[in-house]
Amino acid sequence: MPSLLFASDSFKGSISSTRASELLSLVAHDEWAQVDLRSVAVADGGEGTVEALVNALGGELVHVMVKNPCGADIQASYGLLPNGGAIIEMAAASGLPLLSTNQRDPRFTSTFGTGQLIADALDRGVTDISLAIGGSATNDGGMGAMRALGARFLDADERELAGRGKDLIRVRSIDLSGMDERVSQVHFHVMCDVDNPLVGPQGASCVFGPQKGADEVVVAELEKGMKSYSSVLAKTFGIDVSGDPGAGAAGGLGAAARLFLGADMVSGIEYVLDLVHFDELLEGVDVCITGEGHADGQSVRGKVISGVARRCNRHGVPCVALVGSMDSSATILLEHGVSALVPTVIECGSVEEAMRYAEQNYILAAKRIFSLLKIGTQLT
């Protein structure tokens, strides 16, 4: 009797991590009269991380009214975990998809709503907070989130700033006297899969600013502001983290989380796999099926597929990646523990069609995988 483990990321906008496992289970039972199936929801710190961990660990979702990146009231959610911890996706409150195209300008966006989610978790007495900081619409150096927790960012006349991207250049001092004292009693983790520094050609403004609506002129303005802001941070905390890997994540929230919250930076996928005890789930497994919406050369850098494949490789378990789409650069995954790559879409068509038929295509791809696995078991 074959033993299979399903551990897929979500296919953004179409299939959740949990639903992927459900579909794989349906097809597996069609192929084998007897089969040992195990499944776990996983994510890498991006979209779907809260849902994956709440489902995997038996937590609960909490819904809170917060400010979106432009200051409008919205309802956002985060997860409370059974161990007294919380998992927060900053994209739920400060994410790019929350804004229309004409609202996307990192000079005018803030992470304040993310800070509100943290404050709510503190109100509920959590002792451990994990921040998944992918998908932000912001480039405020984390000022907004820290303002929501009591920090004040002052200009040359000691007037408090709103803490948006355009305010970076105006910060002259930081008042920490009103910072929420409970922060020091909580262990913070920042789940991050990028290693960009705070400033410079590979920094927050230059690399991610254009993705958030900034043109060349705005990028230059933000970079100048971030350099000025980083010097104020260094003066305030007595340490310069501007060149640290991950400091530039989420428009500088990575740097702020480390300095203001004492957070440690962790690989999102490695952290999630440890939380769900993935290595234990691999024991006795014949094949693991993982996947994500799109695979390319960047998938080897902290994404679900590469993280799962590495763990499988250590345990001698073949790992098959079932992906929504892929390009030729994705074949590098075959050098990093992935045994086979199978895309769901096999005909040319529009993205809209692929999304419309996502589950149907996923099931067909699963059938192709399991039919080949059956041949393999018969040969051996």
Protein backbone atom coordinates (compact mmCIF):
# COMPACT_ATOMS: atom_id res chain seq x y z
CA MET A 1 0.00 0.00 0.00
CA PRO A 2 1.56 3.29 -1.09
CA SER A 3 2.00 6.11 1.43
CA LEU A 4 1.64 9.66 0.09
CA LEU A 5 2.13 13.04 1.76
CA PHE A 6 0.50 16.17 0.31
CA ALA A 7 2.08 19.51 1.21
CA SER A 8 1.28 22.19 -1.35
CA ASP A 9 1.26 25.97 -1.23
CA SER A 10 -1.89 27.79 -2.31
CA PHE A 11 -2.46 28.61 -5.98
CA LYS A 12 -3.14 32.30 -5.47
CA GLY A 13 -6.68 33.31 -6.39
CA SER A 14 -7.86 29.80 -7.21
CA ILE A 15 -6.91 26.85 -4.95
CA SER A 16 -5.99 27.00 -1.28
CA SER A 17 -3.38 24.77 0.28
CA THR A 18 -6.09 22.79 2.06
CA ARG A 19 -8.17 22.44 -1.09
CA ALA A 20 -5.15 21.16 -3.04
CA SER A 21 -4.79 18.33 -0.54
CA GLU A 22 -8.50 17.54 -0.78
CA LEU A 23 -8.33 17.26 -4.57
CA LEU A 24 -5.22 15.09 -4.44
CA SER A 25 -6.92 12.80 -1.94
CA LEU A 26 -9.97 12.38 -4.18
CA VAL A 27 -7.83 11.39 -7.17
CA ALA A 28 -5.60 9.09 -5.11
CA HIS A 29 -8.61 7.13 -3.84
CA ASP A 30 -9.76 6.72 -7.45
CA GLU A 31 -6.39 5.23 -8.39
CA TRP A 32 -5.74 2.95 -5.40
CA ALA A 33 -8.16 0.76 -3.49
CA GLN A 34 -5.88 1.06 -0.48
CA VAL A 35 -3.59 4.02 0.09
CA ASP A 36 -2.13 5.76 3.13
CA LEU A 37 -2.70 9.50 2.72
CA ARG A 38 -1.26 12.29 4.85
CA SER A 39 -1.68 15.99 4.23
CA VAL A 40 -0.62 19.27 5.75
CA ALA A 41 -1.28 22.88 4.76
CA VAL A 42 1.95 24.82 4.19
CA ALA A 43 3.04 28.29 3.06
CA ASP A 44 6.24 30.32 2.85
CA GLY A 45 5.30 33.50 4.69
CA GLY A 46 3.34 35.00 1.79
CA GLU A 47 -0.36 34.98 1.03
CA GLY A 48 -2.12 32.01 2.61
CA THR A 49 0.28 31.58 5.55
CA VAL A 50 -2.35 32.40 8.20
CA GLU A 51 -4.91 30.04 6.66
CA ALA A 52 -2.34 27.26 6.29
CA LEU A 53 -1.13 27.41 9.89
CA VAL A 54 -4.59 27.84 11.39
CA ASN A 55 -5.76 24.76 9.50
CA ALA A 56 -2.63 22.73 10.22
CA LEU A 57 -2.42 23.54 13.92
CA GLY A 58 -6.08 23.89 14.84
CA GLY A 59 -6.08 27.62 15.51
CA GLU A 60 -8.77 30.22 14.98
CA LEU A 61 -9.20 33.33 12.86
CA VAL A 62 -9.71 36.70 14.53
CA HIS A 63 -11.34 39.56 12.62
CA VAL A 64 -10.37 43.16 13.39
CA MET A 65 -11.23 46.59 11.97
CA VAL A 66 -8.00 48.30 10.88
CA LYS A 67 -6.71 50.93 8.47
CA ASN A 68 -5.73 49.86 4.96
CA PRO A 69 -2.52 51.26 3.39
CA CYS A 70 -4.31 54.52 2.45
CA GLY A 71 -6.08 54.93 5.79
CA ALA A 72 -9.54 53.58 4.95
CA ASP A 73 -11.31 51.31 7.45
CA ILE A 74 -11.34 47.62 6.49
CA GLN A 75 -11.79 44.30 8.22
CA ALA A 76 -8.63 42.17 8.38
CA SER A 77 -7.95 38.83 10.03
CA TYR A 78 -5.07 37.02 11.65
CA GLY A 79 -4.63 33.66 13.35
CA LEU A 80 -4.49 32.67 17.01
CA LEU A 81 -2.60 29.42 17.54
CA PRO A 82 -3.14 26.84 20.30
CA ASN A 83 0.33 27.43 21.78
CA GLY A 84 -0.51 30.99 22.81
CA GLY A 85 0.96 32.49 19.68
CA ALA A 86 -0.37 34.50 16.75
CA ILE A 87 0.35 34.49 13.04
CA ILE A 88 -0.15 37.78 11.21
CA GLU A 89 0.05 38.42 7.47
CA MET A 90 0.89 42.08 7.00
CA ALA A 91 -0.71 41.87 3.55
CA ALA A 92 -4.10 41.42 5.23
CA ALA A 93 -3.94 45.03 6.42
CA SER A 94 -1.17 46.62 4.33
CA GLY A 95 -1.13 44.58 1.14
CA LEU A 96 -0.97 45.75 -2.45
CA PRO A 97 -4.18 43.92 -3.53
CA LEU A 98 -6.14 46.09 -1.08
CA LEU A 99 -5.61 49.12 -3.32
CA SER A 100 -6.88 50.03 -6.76
CA THR A 101 -4.30 50.75 -9.44
CA ASN A 102 -4.61 54.52 -9.09
CA GLN A 103 -4.12 54.29 -5.31
CA ARG A 104 -0.77 52.54 -5.60
CA ASP A 105 1.86 55.09 -4.66
CA PRO A 106 4.30 54.15 -1.85
CA ARG A 107 4.74 57.82 -0.92
CA PHE A 108 1.23 57.80 0.52
CA THR A 109 0.85 54.30 2.00
CA SER A 110 1.43 53.12 5.55
CA THR A 111 1.78 49.91 7.57
CA PHE A 112 -0.37 51.36 10.38
CA GLY A 113 -2.99 48.61 9.96
CA THR A 114 -0.35 45.93 10.50
CA GLY A 115 0.54 47.57 13.79
CA GLN A 116 -3.14 47.51 14.73
CA LEU A 117 -3.22 43.74 14.18
CA ILE A 118 -0.16 43.35 16.43
CA ALA A 119 -1.80 45.53 19.09
CA ASP A 120 -4.95 43.40 19.01
CA ALA A 121 -2.87 40.25 19.46
CA LEU A 122 -1.16 41.87 22.45
CA ASP A 123 -4.58 42.69 23.92
CA ARG A 124 -5.41 38.98 23.73
CA GLY A 125 -2.33 38.06 25.75
CA VAL A 126 -0.29 36.25 23.10
CA THR A 127 3.31 35.48 23.97
CA ASP A 128 4.70 34.75 20.50
CA ILE A 129 3.92 36.62 17.25
CA SER A 130 4.99 35.54 13.78
CA LEU A 131 4.81 38.22 11.08
CA ALA A 132 4.52 37.13 7.45
CA ILE A 133 5.60 40.25 5.58
CA GLY A 134 5.16 39.46 1.89
CA GLY A 135 2.95 41.42 -0.53
CA SER A 136 3.12 44.90 0.98
CA ALA A 137 1.90 48.11 -0.66
CA THR A 138 4.22 50.17 1.51
CA ASN A 139 7.67 51.77 1.65
CA ASP A 140 7.41 53.55 4.99
CA GLY A 141 10.29 51.85 6.81
CA GLY A 142 7.77 50.28 9.18
CA MET A 143 6.90 53.67 10.68
CA GLY A 144 3.16 53.16 10.39
CA ALA A 145 3.18 49.84 12.25
CA MET A 146 5.41 51.22 14.99
CA ARG A 147 3.18 54.32 15.36
CA ALA A 148 0.24 52.00 16.03
CA LEU A 149 2.32 50.53 18.86
CA GLY A 150 3.16 53.90 20.39
CA ALA A 151 6.35 55.13 18.70
CA ARG A 152 6.44 58.76 17.49
CA PHE A 153 8.40 59.95 14.47
CA LEU A 154 9.26 63.64 14.70
CA ASP A 155 10.38 66.24 12.17
CA ALA A 156 12.91 69.05 12.73
CA ASP A 157 10.29 71.05 14.65
CA GLU A 158 9.37 68.00 16.79
CA ARG A 159 6.00 67.65 15.12
CA GLU A 160 4.74 64.09 14.76
CA LEU A 161 4.71 62.67 11.23
CA ALA A 162 2.04 60.40 9.80
CA GLY A 163 4.66 57.78 8.95
CA ARG A 164 4.14 57.32 5.22
CA GLY A 165 6.78 56.90 2.53
CA LYS A 166 6.99 60.61 1.82
CA ASP A 167 7.76 61.25 5.51
CA LEU A 168 11.01 59.25 5.50
CA ILE A 169 13.10 62.25 4.48
CA ARG A 170 11.55 64.42 7.22
CA VAL A 171 12.26 62.17 10.23
CA ARG A 172 14.81 63.77 12.55
CA SER A 173 14.17 61.90 15.80
CA ILE A 174 12.15 59.01 17.23
CA ASP A 175 10.34 59.13 20.57
CA LEU A 176 10.03 55.65 22.11
CA SER A 177 8.61 56.76 25.47
CA GLY A 178 5.07 55.77 24.50
CA MET A 179 5.98 52.40 22.97
CA ASP A 180 3.69 49.61 24.16
CA GLU A 181 5.55 47.98 27.05
CA ARG A 182 4.04 44.57 26.24
CA VAL A 183 6.22 44.38 23.13
CA SER A 184 9.25 43.55 25.27
CA GLN A 185 7.41 40.56 26.76
CA VAL A 186 6.62 38.91 23.42
CA HIS A 187 8.89 36.94 21.11
CA PHE A 188 8.56 38.21 17.51
CA HIS A 189 9.55 36.33 14.36
CA VAL A 190 9.62 37.87 10.88
CA MET A 191 8.93 35.33 8.15
CA CYS A 192 10.75 36.56 5.10
CA ASP A 193 11.94 34.98 1.86
CA VAL A 194 13.93 37.93 0.48
CA ASP A 195 17.40 39.02 1.53
CA ASN A 196 17.30 42.63 0.32
CA PRO A 197 18.94 45.31 2.51
CA LEU A 198 17.17 48.51 3.53
CA VAL A 199 19.01 50.84 1.13
CA GLY A 200 21.08 50.69 -2.04
CA PRO A 201 20.50 49.27 -5.54
CA GLN A 202 19.08 46.05 -4.06
CA GLY A 203 17.22 47.84 -1.28
CA ALA A 204 13.56 48.31 -0.46
CA SER A 205 12.91 51.40 -2.60
CA CYS A 206 14.91 50.49 -5.70
CA VAL A 207 13.82 46.87 -6.04
CA PHE A 208 10.27 46.87 -4.71
CA GLY A 209 9.20 50.49 -5.20
CA PRO A 210 8.29 50.01 -8.89
CA GLN A 211 6.12 47.00 -7.99
CA LYS A 212 4.13 49.26 -5.68
CA GLY A 213 3.49 52.04 -8.18
CA ALA A 214 6.65 54.18 -8.00
CA ASP A 215 8.21 55.58 -11.18
CA GLU A 216 11.92 56.44 -11.46
CA VAL A 217 11.48 59.88 -9.92
CA VAL A 218 9.51 58.52 -6.96
CA VAL A 219 12.00 55.67 -6.46
CA ALA A 220 14.85 58.19 -6.23
CA GLU A 221 12.83 60.27 -3.73
CA LEU A 222 12.07 57.22 -1.58
CA GLU A 223 15.67 55.99 -1.67
CA LYS A 224 16.95 59.38 -0.52
CA GLY A 225 14.37 59.36 2.27
CA MET A 226 15.20 55.79 3.31
CA LYS A 227 18.91 56.59 3.58
CA SER A 228 18.11 59.55 5.81
CA TYR A 229 15.68 57.46 7.88
CA SER A 230 18.20 54.63 8.29
CA SER A 231 20.71 57.07 9.77
CA VAL A 232 18.09 58.18 12.33
CA LEU A 233 17.40 54.54 13.18
CA ALA A 234 21.12 53.91 13.68
CA LYS A 235 21.42 56.95 15.94
CA THR A 236 18.33 55.97 17.96
CA PHE A 237 19.17 52.31 18.52
CA GLY A 238 22.96 52.43 18.37
CA ILE A 239 23.12 49.83 15.60
CA ASP A 240 23.04 50.09 11.82
CA VAL A 241 20.94 47.34 10.25
CA SER A 242 20.52 49.02 6.84
CA GLY A 243 22.75 46.46 5.14
CA ASP A 244 21.34 43.40 6.88
CA PRO A 245 19.66 40.73 4.72
CA GLY A 246 15.88 41.12 4.89
CA ALA A 247 15.98 44.64 6.36
CA GLY A 248 14.39 45.95 3.16
CA ALA A 249 11.55 43.44 3.15
CA ALA A 250 8.03 44.94 3.07
CA GLY A 251 9.37 48.41 2.39
CA GLY A 252 11.59 48.41 5.46
CA LEU A 253 9.23 46.72 7.91
CA GLY A 254 11.91 44.05 8.27
CA ALA A 255 14.35 46.58 9.72
CA ALA A 256 11.72 48.14 12.00
CA ALA A 257 10.61 44.76 13.35
CA ARG A 258 14.16 43.90 14.30
CA LEU A 259 14.92 47.22 15.98
CA PHE A 260 11.61 48.15 17.62
CA LEU A 261 10.31 44.64 18.35
CA GLY A 262 13.52 42.66 18.77
CA ALA A 263 12.31 40.25 16.09
CA ASP A 264 14.41 37.49 14.63
CA MET A 265 14.40 36.96 10.87
CA VAL A 266 13.46 33.45 9.78
CA SER A 267 12.90 31.66 6.49
CA GLY A 268 9.15 31.51 6.06
CA ILE A 269 8.97 28.00 4.65
CA GLU A 270 11.50 26.54 7.10
CA TYR A 271 9.66 28.10 10.02
CA VAL A 272 6.29 26.77 8.83
CA LEU A 273 7.66 23.27 8.22
CA ASP A 274 9.07 23.21 11.75
CA LEU A 275 5.76 24.40 13.25
CA VAL A 276 3.77 21.62 11.52
CA HIS A 277 6.40 18.96 12.40
CA PHE A 278 6.97 18.18 8.74
CA ASP A 279 9.94 15.87 9.28
CA GLU A 280 7.80 13.61 11.46
CA LEU A 281 5.09 13.51 8.79
CA LEU A 282 7.69 12.28 6.27
CA GLU A 283 8.46 9.13 8.20
CA GLY A 284 7.43 6.07 6.18
CA VAL A 285 6.23 8.14 3.19
CA ASP A 286 6.87 6.82 -0.35
CA VAL A 287 6.24 10.06 -2.29
CA CYS A 288 5.51 13.68 -1.35
CA ILE A 289 3.43 15.93 -3.63
CA THR A 290 4.05 19.65 -3.26
CA GLY A 291 3.41 22.65 -5.50
CA GLU A 292 2.57 26.31 -5.98
CA GLY A 293 0.83 28.53 -8.51
CA HIS A 294 3.85 29.34 -10.67
CA ALA A 295 7.33 27.83 -10.69
CA ASP A 296 10.40 29.57 -12.09
CA GLY A 297 14.04 30.13 -11.26
CA GLN A 298 13.09 32.14 -8.16
CA SER A 299 11.29 29.14 -6.67
CA VAL A 300 14.59 27.85 -5.28
CA ARG A 301 14.85 30.94 -3.05
CA GLY A 302 12.77 30.32 0.05
CA LYS A 303 9.60 29.15 -1.67
CA VAL A 304 7.42 26.21 -0.65
CA ILE A 305 8.59 23.82 -3.37
CA SER A 306 12.29 24.17 -2.62
CA GLY A 307 11.76 24.06 1.15
CA VAL A 308 9.63 20.90 0.99
CA ALA A 309 12.00 19.30 -1.52
CA ARG A 310 15.02 19.90 0.73
CA ARG A 311 13.31 18.18 3.65
CA CYS A 312 12.23 15.28 1.40
CA ASN A 313 15.76 14.91 0.06
CA ARG A 314 17.15 14.60 3.59
CA HIS A 315 14.72 11.77 4.29
CA GLY A 316 15.22 10.04 0.92
CA VAL A 317 11.61 10.68 -0.14
CA PRO A 318 10.91 11.51 -3.82
CA CYS A 319 9.25 14.91 -4.21
CA VAL A 320 6.93 15.75 -7.11
CA ALA A 321 5.92 19.38 -7.71
CA LEU A 322 2.46 19.94 -9.21
CA VAL A 323 2.41 23.59 -10.34
CA GLY A 324 -0.12 25.86 -11.97
CA SER A 325 2.38 27.03 -14.56
CA MET A 326 6.13 27.08 -15.08
CA ASP A 327 8.78 28.44 -17.38
CA SER A 328 12.04 26.90 -18.52
CA SER A 329 13.99 28.38 -15.61
CA ALA A 330 11.92 26.24 -13.21
CA THR A 331 13.93 23.16 -14.20
CA ILE A 332 16.64 24.33 -11.78
CA LEU A 333 14.36 22.86 -9.09
CA LEU A 334 15.36 19.43 -10.40
CA GLU A 335 18.84 20.20 -9.06
CA HIS A 336 17.43 21.07 -5.63
CA GLY A 337 15.60 17.94 -4.56
CA VAL A 338 12.54 18.00 -6.84
CA SER A 339 12.14 14.66 -8.61
CA ALA A 340 9.60 15.81 -11.22
CA LEU A 341 7.73 18.95 -12.29
CA VAL A 342 4.14 18.66 -13.57
CA PRO A 343 2.21 21.76 -14.73
CA THR A 344 -1.60 21.78 -14.58
CA VAL A 345 -2.06 23.77 -17.80
CA ILE A 346 -1.13 21.87 -20.97
CA GLU A 347 -2.89 23.98 -23.58
CA CYS A 348 -2.38 27.61 -24.62
CA GLY A 349 -5.01 29.94 -23.24
CA SER A 350 -5.63 33.07 -21.24
CA VAL A 351 -4.91 33.53 -17.55
CA GLU A 352 -8.65 33.99 -17.02
CA GLU A 353 -9.34 30.55 -18.52
CA ALA A 354 -6.63 28.96 -16.38
CA MET A 355 -8.19 30.48 -13.25
CA ARG A 356 -11.71 29.46 -14.29
CA TYR A 357 -10.71 25.83 -14.79
CA ALA A 358 -8.09 25.71 -12.03
CA GLU A 359 -9.57 22.77 -10.11
CA GLN A 360 -10.37 20.79 -13.26
CA ASN A 361 -6.81 21.22 -14.55
CA TYR A 362 -5.39 20.38 -11.13
CA ILE A 363 -7.34 17.12 -11.00
CA LEU A 364 -6.18 16.15 -14.50
CA ALA A 365 -2.57 16.84 -13.56
CA ALA A 366 -2.97 14.77 -10.39
CA LYS A 367 -4.31 11.88 -12.48
CA ARG A 368 -1.22 12.08 -14.70
CA ILE A 369 1.06 11.96 -11.66
CA PHE A 370 -0.67 9.06 -9.94
CA SER A 371 -0.94 7.00 -13.14
CA LEU A 372 2.83 7.27 -13.52
CA LEU A 373 3.34 6.39 -9.87
CA LYS A 374 1.23 3.25 -10.37
CA ILE A 375 3.44 2.22 -13.27
CA GLY A 376 6.48 2.75 -11.08
CA THR A 377 5.11 0.56 -8.27
CA GLN A 378 4.24 -2.18 -10.75
CA LEU A 379 7.76 -2.10 -12.23
CA THR A 380 9.34 -2.49 -8.80
